[in-house]
């Protein structure tokens, strides 16, 4: 699903508008490189565009999602507008080289 359509659908289902948001909570990791990066970019961009704070909350395996959300609601009240979330991958990202960057001898 397109993340923006998912956000619009979630807001609509809960009777909330973008303009009524007071802050944004995103998963800061650990997790897959592309998923974290995409989600955090969307959160940071909405935060900037709406002029509201954003906070990243790590997803801990044994912590219920509802508890993570509740923690995010508390933490987002503590950060200033303009805060930027960065991902916590849990390990070094494993990004492969572009095929154009690989020389014919494989180095």
Protein backbone atom coordinates (compact mmCIF):
# COMPACT_ATOMS: atom_id res chain seq x y z
CA UNK A 1 0.00 0.00 0.00
CA UNK A 2 1.12 3.54 -0.74
CA UNK A 3 2.12 4.99 2.67
CA UNK A 4 0.35 8.29 2.05
CA UNK A 5 -2.88 6.53 1.09
CA UNK A 6 -2.52 4.42 4.23
CA UNK A 7 -2.10 7.54 6.35
CA UNK A 8 -5.12 9.19 4.70
CA UNK A 9 -7.21 6.04 5.25
CA UNK A 10 -6.15 5.73 8.90
CA UNK A 11 -6.93 9.37 9.59
CA UNK A 12 -10.32 9.12 7.86
CA UNK A 13 -11.27 5.93 9.73
CA UNK A 14 -10.52 7.70 13.02
CA UNK A 15 -12.18 11.02 12.14
CA UNK A 16 -8.90 12.93 12.24
CA UNK A 17 -7.47 15.45 9.78
CA UNK A 18 -3.81 16.21 9.08
CA UNK A 19 -4.39 19.76 10.30
CA UNK A 20 -5.60 18.51 13.70
CA UNK A 21 -2.43 16.49 14.40
CA UNK A 22 -0.27 17.78 17.27
CA UNK A 23 2.72 15.54 16.58
CA UNK A 24 3.96 12.51 14.68
CA UNK A 25 5.41 9.28 16.07
CA UNK A 26 7.46 6.98 13.82
CA UNK A 27 9.20 3.65 14.28
CA UNK A 28 12.90 4.49 14.52
CA UNK A 29 14.06 0.88 14.39
CA UNK A 30 15.54 -1.55 14.47
CA UNK A 31 14.27 -2.81 11.18
CA UNK A 32 14.78 -3.22 7.48
CA UNK A 33 16.74 -0.43 5.78
CA UNK A 34 14.19 0.55 3.12
CA UNK A 35 11.14 0.28 5.38
CA UNK A 36 12.66 2.38 8.16
CA UNK A 37 14.08 4.93 5.79
CA UNK A 38 10.77 5.34 3.93
CA UNK A 39 8.67 5.62 7.08
CA UNK A 40 11.02 8.09 8.71
CA UNK A 41 11.20 10.24 5.58
CA UNK A 42 7.39 10.41 5.46
CA UNK A 43 7.22 11.28 9.18
CA UNK A 44 9.93 13.95 8.96
CA UNK A 45 8.36 15.44 5.82
CA UNK A 46 4.87 15.62 7.33
CA UNK A 47 6.35 17.13 10.48
CA UNK A 48 8.11 19.83 8.48
CA UNK A 49 5.11 20.53 6.24
CA UNK A 50 2.62 20.70 9.10
CA UNK A 51 4.94 22.53 11.52
CA UNK A 52 4.53 19.91 14.25
CA UNK A 53 7.08 17.81 16.18
CA UNK A 54 8.14 14.30 15.20
CA UNK A 55 9.71 11.67 17.42
CA UNK A 56 11.14 8.24 16.73
CA UNK A 57 10.38 5.40 19.11
CA UNK A 58 12.29 2.12 18.82
CA UNK A 59 10.14 -0.96 18.32
CA UNK A 60 11.16 -3.40 21.03
CA UNK A 61 10.24 -6.97 20.18
CA UNK A 62 8.37 -7.85 23.40
CA UNK A 63 6.68 -4.47 23.90
CA UNK A 64 3.05 -4.28 22.75
CA UNK A 65 2.38 -1.83 19.93
CA UNK A 66 -0.16 0.05 22.09
CA UNK A 67 2.54 0.64 24.71
CA UNK A 68 4.94 1.90 22.05
CA UNK A 69 2.30 4.31 20.75
CA UNK A 70 1.57 5.54 24.30
CA UNK A 71 5.29 6.14 24.84
CA UNK A 72 5.44 8.04 21.55
CA UNK A 73 2.58 10.30 22.59
CA UNK A 74 4.45 11.17 25.79
CA UNK A 75 7.79 11.69 24.03
CA UNK A 76 6.48 13.79 21.13
CA UNK A 77 5.39 16.42 23.67
CA UNK A 78 9.03 16.79 24.78
CA UNK A 79 10.65 17.50 21.40
CA UNK A 80 10.68 20.82 19.57
CA UNK A 81 9.23 21.47 16.15
CA UNK A 82 12.13 20.96 13.76
CA UNK A 83 13.36 17.80 15.45
CA UNK A 84 14.48 15.24 12.86
CA UNK A 85 14.29 11.48 13.39
CA UNK A 86 17.15 9.29 12.19
CA UNK A 87 16.89 5.51 11.77
CA UNK A 88 18.39 2.96 14.14
CA UNK A 89 19.01 -0.05 11.95
CA UNK A 90 20.32 -2.32 14.70
CA UNK A 91 23.34 -3.15 12.54
CA UNK A 92 25.27 -1.73 9.61
CA UNK A 93 23.02 -1.36 6.54
CA UNK A 94 23.78 -4.02 3.95
CA UNK A 95 23.62 -1.97 0.79
CA UNK A 96 24.89 -3.63 -2.36
CA UNK A 97 26.96 -1.74 -4.88
CA UNK A 98 25.41 -0.55 -8.09
CA UNK A 99 26.18 -2.80 -11.03
CA UNK A 100 27.73 0.22 -12.73
CA UNK A 101 30.21 0.54 -9.85
CA UNK A 102 31.49 -3.03 -10.16
CA UNK A 103 34.45 -3.38 -12.48
CA UNK A 104 34.73 -6.21 -15.02
CA UNK A 105 37.15 -8.13 -12.79
CA UNK A 106 34.59 -8.18 -9.94
CA UNK A 107 36.20 -5.58 -7.68
